[in-house]
Amino acid sequence: MLVFARVFHDLFTVVWIGGLLTMGLVVMPAAKKMFEDPEKFKKFTGIVHKRMSLLGNLSIAVLLVTGVLLARNGSDFAGLFSFDNLYSGLLAVKHLVFLAMIIIVAARNLIVKKQASPVVQKKRIPEKMFLANVALGSVVVILSSIVSALR
């Protein structure tokens, strides 16, 4: 059972974080160059966002379930958000970063759906939130690697 949890946890980490990195480093910069018309760019990014959101939301759900299963079965796991030992402390930091990412996703989705004000668009707040999640996703992968090495 734990093997399947690990496989799905790793797979959906790749889907979510890999998707964020691909979007942030490849797709969006290429789309900006390709679409000079802001409306065409907006239409393209809306289509991509809709498809990626489905994968992202599914990934978040799978990561929550598999993460709980894996953490509870770790020999050094001292409890959710526990800093009693190095393993639990790093896991707690990873989970806090994961929660921050979920909050950013939710807030960004609200801004995008409400057709944010010109000030929000001018300051590129949704884009900055997305890039923050790209950076935080990288932190999650680094922490996951360290935690795995500690087992």
N, C-alpha and C. Protein backbone atom coordinates (compact mmCIF):
# COMPACT_ATOMS: atom_id res chain seq x y z
N MET A 1 0.83 -1.21 0.00
CA MET A 1 0.00 0.00 0.00
C MET A 1 0.87 1.26 0.00
N LEU A 2 1.91 1.26 0.85
CA LEU A 2 2.77 2.44 0.92
C LEU A 2 3.54 2.67 -0.38
N VAL A 3 3.85 1.59 -1.08
CA VAL A 3 4.54 1.74 -2.37
C VAL A 3 3.66 2.52 -3.34
N PHE A 4 2.37 2.19 -3.38
CA PHE A 4 1.46 2.90 -4.27
C PHE A 4 1.29 4.35 -3.84
N ALA A 5 1.25 4.59 -2.54
CA ALA A 5 1.15 5.96 -2.03
C ALA A 5 2.38 6.75 -2.46
N ARG A 6 3.56 6.17 -2.35
CA ARG A 6 4.80 6.85 -2.75
C ARG A 6 4.80 7.14 -4.26
N VAL A 7 4.40 6.14 -5.05
CA VAL A 7 4.35 6.32 -6.51
C VAL A 7 3.41 7.45 -6.88
N PHE A 8 2.20 7.44 -6.33
CA PHE A 8 1.24 8.49 -6.66
C PHE A 8 1.68 9.85 -6.11
N HIS A 9 2.30 9.85 -4.95
CA HIS A 9 2.78 11.11 -4.37
C HIS A 9 3.84 11.72 -5.29
N ASP A 10 4.78 10.90 -5.71
CA ASP A 10 5.84 11.39 -6.60
C ASP A 10 5.28 11.80 -7.96
N LEU A 11 4.38 10.98 -8.51
CA LEU A 11 3.81 11.28 -9.82
C LEU A 11 3.05 12.60 -9.81
N PHE A 12 2.21 12.82 -8.81
CA PHE A 12 1.42 14.05 -8.78
C PHE A 12 2.24 15.26 -8.35
N THR A 13 3.36 15.03 -7.68
CA THR A 13 4.29 16.13 -7.43
C THR A 13 4.89 16.59 -8.76
N VAL A 14 5.27 15.63 -9.58
CA VAL A 14 5.82 15.94 -10.90
C VAL A 14 4.77 16.67 -11.75
N VAL A 15 3.53 16.19 -11.72
CA VAL A 15 2.47 16.80 -12.52
C VAL A 15 2.27 18.26 -12.08
N TRP A 16 2.15 18.49 -10.77
CA TRP A 16 1.86 19.85 -10.29
C TRP A 16 3.07 20.77 -10.40
N ILE A 17 4.16 20.39 -9.77
CA ILE A 17 5.33 21.27 -9.74
C ILE A 17 5.97 21.34 -11.13
N GLY A 18 6.03 20.20 -11.81
CA GLY A 18 6.57 20.20 -13.17
C GLY A 18 5.73 21.06 -14.10
N GLY A 19 4.42 21.00 -13.92
CA GLY A 19 3.52 21.85 -14.71
C GLY A 19 3.76 23.33 -14.43
N LEU A 20 3.94 23.66 -13.16
CA LEU A 20 4.21 25.06 -12.81
C LEU A 20 5.52 25.54 -13.44
N LEU A 21 6.56 24.72 -13.31
CA LEU A 21 7.86 25.10 -13.87
C LEU A 21 7.80 25.22 -15.39
N THR A 22 7.13 24.28 -16.04
CA THR A 22 7.00 24.34 -17.50
C THR A 22 6.24 25.58 -17.93
N MET A 23 5.15 25.85 -17.24
CA MET A 23 4.37 27.05 -17.56
C MET A 23 5.17 28.33 -17.35
N GLY A 24 5.85 28.40 -16.19
CA GLY A 24 6.56 29.63 -15.84
C GLY A 24 7.82 29.87 -16.64
N LEU A 25 8.51 28.80 -17.00
CA LEU A 25 9.79 28.96 -17.67
C LEU A 25 9.74 28.79 -19.19
N VAL A 26 8.68 28.13 -19.70
CA VAL A 26 8.63 27.85 -21.13
C VAL A 26 7.38 28.43 -21.80
N VAL A 27 6.21 27.99 -21.37
CA VAL A 27 4.98 28.32 -22.08
C VAL A 27 4.65 29.82 -22.02
N MET A 28 4.64 30.39 -20.84
CA MET A 28 4.24 31.79 -20.72
C MET A 28 5.22 32.74 -21.42
N PRO A 29 6.53 32.59 -21.23
CA PRO A 29 7.44 33.47 -21.98
C PRO A 29 7.29 33.32 -23.50
N ALA A 30 7.10 32.09 -23.98
CA ALA A 30 6.91 31.87 -25.43
C ALA A 30 5.61 32.51 -25.90
N ALA A 31 4.55 32.37 -25.10
CA ALA A 31 3.25 32.95 -25.47
C ALA A 31 3.32 34.47 -25.53
N LYS A 32 4.07 35.07 -24.62
CA LYS A 32 4.21 36.54 -24.64
C LYS A 32 4.87 37.01 -25.92
N LYS A 33 5.84 36.25 -26.40
CA LYS A 33 6.51 36.62 -27.65
C LYS A 33 5.62 36.35 -28.86
N MET A 34 4.84 35.29 -28.79
CA MET A 34 4.03 34.87 -29.93
C MET A 34 2.81 35.76 -30.13
N PHE A 35 2.16 36.14 -29.03
CA PHE A 35 0.92 36.91 -29.12
C PHE A 35 1.19 38.37 -28.79
N GLU A 36 1.28 39.18 -29.82
CA GLU A 36 1.48 40.61 -29.60
C GLU A 36 0.18 41.27 -29.16
N ASP A 37 -0.94 40.72 -29.61
CA ASP A 37 -2.26 41.24 -29.25
C ASP A 37 -2.59 40.76 -27.84
N PRO A 38 -2.77 41.69 -26.88
CA PRO A 38 -3.06 41.31 -25.50
C PRO A 38 -4.31 40.44 -25.35
N GLU A 39 -5.31 40.66 -26.19
CA GLU A 39 -6.53 39.86 -26.10
C GLU A 39 -6.29 38.41 -26.51
N LYS A 40 -5.48 38.19 -27.52
CA LYS A 40 -5.15 36.83 -27.95
C LYS A 40 -4.32 36.13 -26.87
N PHE A 41 -3.40 36.88 -26.28
CA PHE A 41 -2.59 36.32 -25.19
C PHE A 41 -3.48 35.94 -24.02
N LYS A 42 -4.41 36.81 -23.68
CA LYS A 42 -5.33 36.56 -22.57
C LYS A 42 -6.20 35.34 -22.85
N LYS A 43 -6.68 35.21 -24.09
CA LYS A 43 -7.50 34.07 -24.46
C LYS A 43 -6.69 32.78 -24.36
N PHE A 44 -5.47 32.79 -24.88
CA PHE A 44 -4.60 31.62 -24.83
C PHE A 44 -4.31 31.22 -23.38
N THR A 45 -3.92 32.18 -22.56
CA THR A 45 -3.58 31.86 -21.17
C THR A 45 -4.80 31.38 -20.40
N GLY A 46 -5.99 31.89 -20.75
CA GLY A 46 -7.22 31.42 -20.11
C GLY A 46 -7.49 29.95 -20.41
N ILE A 47 -7.28 29.57 -21.65
CA ILE A 47 -7.48 28.16 -22.05
C ILE A 47 -6.48 27.27 -21.33
N VAL A 48 -5.22 27.68 -21.33
CA VAL A 48 -4.17 26.89 -20.67
C VAL A 48 -4.44 26.82 -19.17
N HIS A 49 -4.82 27.94 -18.56
CA HIS A 49 -5.09 27.98 -17.12
C HIS A 49 -6.21 27.02 -16.75
N LYS A 50 -7.25 26.98 -17.57
CA LYS A 50 -8.39 26.09 -17.29
C LYS A 50 -7.95 24.63 -17.29
N ARG A 51 -7.16 24.24 -18.27
CA ARG A 51 -6.69 22.85 -18.35
C ARG A 51 -5.71 22.54 -17.22
N MET A 52 -4.81 23.45 -16.95
CA MET A 52 -3.81 23.22 -15.90
C MET A 52 -4.45 23.21 -14.52
N SER A 53 -5.49 23.99 -14.34
CA SER A 53 -6.17 24.03 -13.04
C SER A 53 -6.76 22.68 -12.67
N LEU A 54 -7.32 22.00 -13.66
CA LEU A 54 -7.87 20.67 -13.42
C LEU A 54 -6.77 19.72 -12.92
N LEU A 55 -5.64 19.71 -13.60
CA LEU A 55 -4.53 18.86 -13.18
C LEU A 55 -3.97 19.30 -11.82
N GLY A 56 -3.87 20.59 -11.63
CA GLY A 56 -3.36 21.12 -10.36
C GLY A 56 -4.25 20.76 -9.19
N ASN A 57 -5.54 20.92 -9.34
CA ASN A 57 -6.47 20.60 -8.25
C ASN A 57 -6.49 19.11 -7.95
N LEU A 58 -6.44 18.29 -8.99
CA LEU A 58 -6.36 16.84 -8.79
C LEU A 58 -5.06 16.49 -8.05
N SER A 59 -3.98 17.12 -8.46
CA SER A 59 -2.69 16.87 -7.82
C SER A 59 -2.71 17.24 -6.34
N ILE A 60 -3.29 18.38 -6.02
CA ILE A 60 -3.38 18.82 -4.62
C ILE A 60 -4.14 17.78 -3.80
N ALA A 61 -5.26 17.30 -4.32
CA ALA A 61 -6.05 16.30 -3.59
C ALA A 61 -5.27 15.01 -3.38
N VAL A 62 -4.63 14.52 -4.43
CA VAL A 62 -3.86 13.28 -4.31
C VAL A 62 -2.68 13.47 -3.36
N LEU A 63 -2.01 14.62 -3.46
CA LEU A 63 -0.87 14.88 -2.58
C LEU A 63 -1.28 14.96 -1.11
N LEU A 64 -2.44 15.52 -0.84
CA LEU A 64 -2.93 15.56 0.54
C LEU A 64 -3.14 14.16 1.11
N VAL A 65 -3.82 13.32 0.35
CA VAL A 65 -4.12 11.96 0.81
C VAL A 65 -2.84 11.14 0.94
N THR A 66 -2.04 11.11 -0.11
CA THR A 66 -0.83 10.28 -0.08
C THR A 66 0.19 10.83 0.92
N GLY A 67 0.24 12.15 1.06
CA GLY A 67 1.17 12.75 2.01
C GLY A 67 0.86 12.36 3.45
N VAL A 68 -0.41 12.33 3.80
CA VAL A 68 -0.81 11.91 5.14
C VAL A 68 -0.42 10.45 5.37
N LEU A 69 -0.72 9.60 4.38
CA LEU A 69 -0.36 8.18 4.50
C LEU A 69 1.15 7.99 4.68
N LEU A 70 1.92 8.67 3.88
CA LEU A 70 3.38 8.51 3.94
C LEU A 70 3.96 9.08 5.24
N ALA A 71 3.50 10.24 5.64
CA ALA A 71 4.02 10.87 6.85
C ALA A 71 3.72 10.03 8.09
N ARG A 72 2.51 9.54 8.19
CA ARG A 72 2.11 8.76 9.38
C ARG A 72 2.91 7.47 9.51
N ASN A 73 3.44 6.98 8.41
CA ASN A 73 4.19 5.74 8.44
C ASN A 73 5.70 5.96 8.51
N GLY A 74 6.13 7.19 8.58
CA GLY A 74 7.55 7.48 8.74
C GLY A 74 7.97 7.21 10.18
N SER A 75 9.10 6.54 10.35
CA SER A 75 9.52 6.15 11.70
C SER A 75 9.86 7.36 12.58
N ASP A 76 10.32 8.45 11.99
CA ASP A 76 10.67 9.65 12.77
C ASP A 76 9.56 10.70 12.80
N PHE A 77 8.41 10.38 12.25
CA PHE A 77 7.31 11.33 12.21
C PHE A 77 6.77 11.56 13.62
N ALA A 78 6.82 12.82 14.08
CA ALA A 78 6.42 13.15 15.44
C ALA A 78 5.07 13.86 15.49
N GLY A 79 4.41 14.01 14.36
CA GLY A 79 3.11 14.66 14.32
C GLY A 79 3.09 15.80 13.32
N LEU A 80 1.88 16.12 12.87
CA LEU A 80 1.69 17.17 11.89
C LEU A 80 2.19 18.51 12.45
N PHE A 81 3.02 19.18 11.72
CA PHE A 81 3.61 20.46 12.09
C PHE A 81 4.45 20.39 13.36
N SER A 82 5.04 19.23 13.58
CA SER A 82 5.92 19.04 14.73
C SER A 82 7.36 19.36 14.34
N PHE A 83 8.09 19.96 15.26
CA PHE A 83 9.49 20.27 15.05
C PHE A 83 10.36 19.52 16.06
N ASP A 84 9.88 18.35 16.51
CA ASP A 84 10.57 17.58 17.54
C ASP A 84 11.89 16.97 17.07
N ASN A 85 12.03 16.72 15.78
CA ASN A 85 13.29 16.19 15.24
C ASN A 85 13.48 16.76 13.83
N LEU A 86 14.64 16.50 13.26
CA LEU A 86 14.96 17.07 11.95
C LEU A 86 13.97 16.62 10.87
N TYR A 87 13.65 15.33 10.86
CA TYR A 87 12.72 14.79 9.86
C TYR A 87 11.36 15.48 9.96
N SER A 88 10.79 15.51 11.15
CA SER A 88 9.47 16.13 11.34
C SER A 88 9.52 17.63 11.08
N GLY A 89 10.60 18.26 11.48
CA GLY A 89 10.74 19.70 11.27
C GLY A 89 10.77 20.07 9.79
N LEU A 90 11.56 19.33 9.01
CA LEU A 90 11.61 19.58 7.57
C LEU A 90 10.27 19.27 6.91
N LEU A 91 9.63 18.20 7.37
CA LEU A 91 8.31 17.85 6.84
C LEU A 91 7.30 18.96 7.17
N ALA A 92 7.39 19.51 8.38
CA ALA A 92 6.48 20.59 8.77
C ALA A 92 6.69 21.83 7.89
N VAL A 93 7.95 22.17 7.64
CA VAL A 93 8.24 23.31 6.77
C VAL A 93 7.70 23.05 5.36
N LYS A 94 7.92 21.83 4.86
CA LYS A 94 7.40 21.45 3.54
C LYS A 94 5.88 21.60 3.50
N HIS A 95 5.21 21.17 4.55
CA HIS A 95 3.74 21.27 4.59
C HIS A 95 3.28 22.71 4.68
N LEU A 96 4.01 23.54 5.40
CA LEU A 96 3.66 24.96 5.46
C LEU A 96 3.82 25.63 4.10
N VAL A 97 4.88 25.28 3.39
CA VAL A 97 5.08 25.82 2.04
C VAL A 97 3.96 25.33 1.12
N PHE A 98 3.60 24.05 1.23
CA PHE A 98 2.51 23.46 0.45
C PHE A 98 1.20 24.22 0.73
N LEU A 99 0.92 24.50 2.00
CA LEU A 99 -0.30 25.26 2.34
C LEU A 99 -0.25 26.68 1.76
N ALA A 100 0.91 27.30 1.80
CA ALA A 100 1.06 28.63 1.21
C ALA A 100 0.76 28.58 -0.29
N MET A 101 1.21 27.52 -0.94
CA MET A 101 0.94 27.37 -2.37
C MET A 101 -0.56 27.23 -2.64
N ILE A 102 -1.23 26.46 -1.80
CA ILE A 102 -2.68 26.27 -1.98
C ILE A 102 -3.41 27.60 -1.78
N ILE A 103 -2.99 28.36 -0.79
CA ILE A 103 -3.61 29.67 -0.55
C ILE A 103 -3.39 30.60 -1.75
N ILE A 104 -2.18 30.59 -2.30
CA ILE A 104 -1.89 31.42 -3.47
C ILE A 104 -2.74 30.98 -4.66
N VAL A 105 -2.86 29.68 -4.87
CA VAL A 105 -3.70 29.18 -5.97
C VAL A 105 -5.14 29.67 -5.80
N ALA A 106 -5.67 29.53 -4.61
CA ALA A 106 -7.06 29.93 -4.36
C ALA A 106 -7.23 31.45 -4.56
N ALA A 107 -6.32 32.22 -4.01
CA ALA A 107 -6.41 33.68 -4.14
C ALA A 107 -6.26 34.11 -5.60
N ARG A 108 -5.32 33.50 -6.31
CA ARG A 108 -5.10 33.83 -7.72
C ARG A 108 -6.33 33.48 -8.55
N ASN A 109 -6.92 32.33 -8.27
CA ASN A 109 -8.13 31.94 -9.00
C ASN A 109 -9.26 32.92 -8.77
N LEU A 110 -9.40 33.41 -7.55
CA LEU A 110 -10.43 34.42 -7.28
C LEU A 110 -10.17 35.71 -8.04
N ILE A 111 -8.92 36.13 -8.08
CA ILE A 111 -8.57 37.36 -8.80
C ILE A 111 -8.83 37.19 -10.29
N VAL A 112 -8.41 36.07 -10.85
CA VAL A 112 -8.59 35.84 -12.29
C VAL A 112 -10.07 35.74 -12.65
N LYS A 113 -10.85 35.03 -11.83
CA LYS A 113 -12.28 34.86 -12.12
C LYS A 113 -13.05 36.16 -12.02
N LYS A 114 -12.61 37.05 -11.14
CA LYS A 114 -13.35 38.30 -10.95
C LYS A 114 -12.89 39.39 -11.92
N GLN A 115 -12.06 39.00 -12.91
CA GLN A 115 -11.56 39.99 -13.87
C GLN A 115 -11.00 41.20 -13.12
N ALA A 116 -9.91 40.98 -12.47
CA ALA A 116 -9.30 41.95 -11.57
C ALA A 116 -9.24 43.36 -12.15
N SER A 117 -9.19 44.33 -11.25
CA SER A 117 -9.18 45.74 -11.62
C SER A 117 -7.95 46.06 -12.48
N PRO A 118 -8.01 47.18 -13.20
CA PRO A 118 -6.86 47.58 -14.02
C PRO A 118 -5.57 47.75 -13.19
N VAL A 119 -5.70 48.19 -11.94
CA VAL A 119 -4.53 48.37 -11.08
C VAL A 119 -3.88 47.01 -10.81
N VAL A 120 -4.70 46.00 -10.49
CA VAL A 120 -4.19 44.66 -10.23
C VAL A 120 -3.53 44.11 -11.49
N GLN A 121 -4.16 44.33 -12.64
CA GLN A 121 -3.60 43.86 -13.90
C GLN A 121 -2.32 44.60 -14.25
N LYS A 122 -2.30 45.92 -14.03
CA LYS A 122 -1.11 46.71 -14.36
C LYS A 122 0.08 46.29 -13.51
N LYS A 123 -0.16 45.99 -12.25
CA LYS A 123 0.93 45.56 -11.36
C LYS A 123 1.25 44.08 -11.54
N ARG A 124 0.50 43.42 -12.44
CA ARG A 124 0.73 42.01 -12.79
C ARG A 124 0.69 41.10 -11.56
N ILE A 125 -0.26 41.35 -10.68
CA ILE A 125 -0.38 40.59 -9.44
C ILE A 125 -0.64 39.11 -9.69
N PRO A 126 -1.58 38.73 -10.59
CA PRO A 126 -1.76 37.29 -10.84
C PRO A 126 -0.48 36.62 -11.34
N GLU A 127 0.26 37.30 -12.20
CA GLU A 127 1.52 36.75 -12.72
C GLU A 127 2.55 36.61 -11.60
N LYS A 128 2.62 37.58 -10.73
CA LYS A 128 3.57 37.53 -9.61
C LYS A 128 3.20 36.40 -8.64
N MET A 129 1.90 36.19 -8.45
CA MET A 129 1.45 35.09 -7.58
C MET A 129 1.83 33.75 -8.20
N PHE A 130 1.65 33.64 -9.51
CA PHE A 130 2.03 32.42 -10.21
C PHE A 130 3.53 32.16 -10.07
N LEU A 131 4.33 33.18 -10.28
CA LEU A 131 5.79 33.02 -10.16
C LEU A 131 6.21 32.69 -8.73
N ALA A 132 5.48 33.21 -7.76
CA ALA A 132 5.75 32.85 -6.36
C ALA A 132 5.50 31.36 -6.16
N ASN A 133 4.44 30.84 -6.77
CA ASN A 133 4.17 29.40 -6.66
C ASN A 133 5.22 28.56 -7.38
N VAL A 134 5.76 29.07 -8.47
CA VAL A 134 6.85 28.36 -9.15
C VAL A 134 8.04 28.24 -8.20
N ALA A 135 8.38 29.34 -7.54
CA ALA A 135 9.50 29.33 -6.59
C ALA A 135 9.21 28.43 -5.40
N LEU A 136 8.02 28.55 -4.83
CA LEU A 136 7.65 27.72 -3.68
C LEU A 136 7.61 26.24 -4.06
N GLY A 137 7.15 25.94 -5.26
CA GLY A 137 7.15 24.55 -5.73
C GLY A 137 8.55 23.98 -5.78
N SER A 138 9.50 24.79 -6.19
CA SER A 138 10.90 24.36 -6.21
C SER A 138 11.38 24.07 -4.79
N VAL A 139 10.98 24.90 -3.84
CA VAL A 139 11.34 24.68 -2.44
C VAL A 139 10.76 23.35 -1.95
N VAL A 140 9.52 23.06 -2.31
CA VAL A 140 8.87 21.80 -1.91
C VAL A 140 9.66 20.61 -2.44
N VAL A 141 10.08 20.67 -3.69
CA VAL A 141 10.84 19.56 -4.28
C VAL A 141 12.19 19.40 -3.56
N ILE A 142 12.84 20.50 -3.26
CA ILE A 142 14.13 20.42 -2.54
C ILE A 142 13.92 19.82 -1.15
N LEU A 143 12.92 20.30 -0.43
CA LEU A 143 12.64 19.75 0.90
C LEU A 143 12.25 18.27 0.82
N SER A 144 11.49 17.90 -0.19
CA SER A 144 11.10 16.49 -0.35
C SER A 144 12.34 15.62 -0.55
N SER A 145 13.27 16.11 -1.32
CA SER A 145 14.50 15.34 -1.56
C SER A 145 15.30 15.17 -0.27
N ILE A 146 15.38 16.22 0.50
CA ILE A 146 16.13 16.15 1.77
C ILE A 146 15.43 15.19 2.74
N VAL A 147 14.11 15.31 2.84
CA VAL A 147 13.34 14.44 3.74
C VAL A 147 13.50 12.98 3.31
N SER A 148 13.45 12.71 2.01
CA SER A 148 13.62 11.34 1.53
C SER A 148 15.00 10.80 1.87
N ALA A 149 16.00 11.64 1.80
CA ALA A 149 17.37 11.21 2.10
C ALA A 149 17.56 10.89 3.58
N LEU A 150 16.71 11.47 4.44
CA LEU A 150 16.82 11.25 5.88
C LEU A 150 16.20 9.92 6.33
N ARG A 151 15.43 9.29 5.47
CA ARG A 151 14.76 8.04 5.87
C ARG A 151 15.75 6.94 6.05
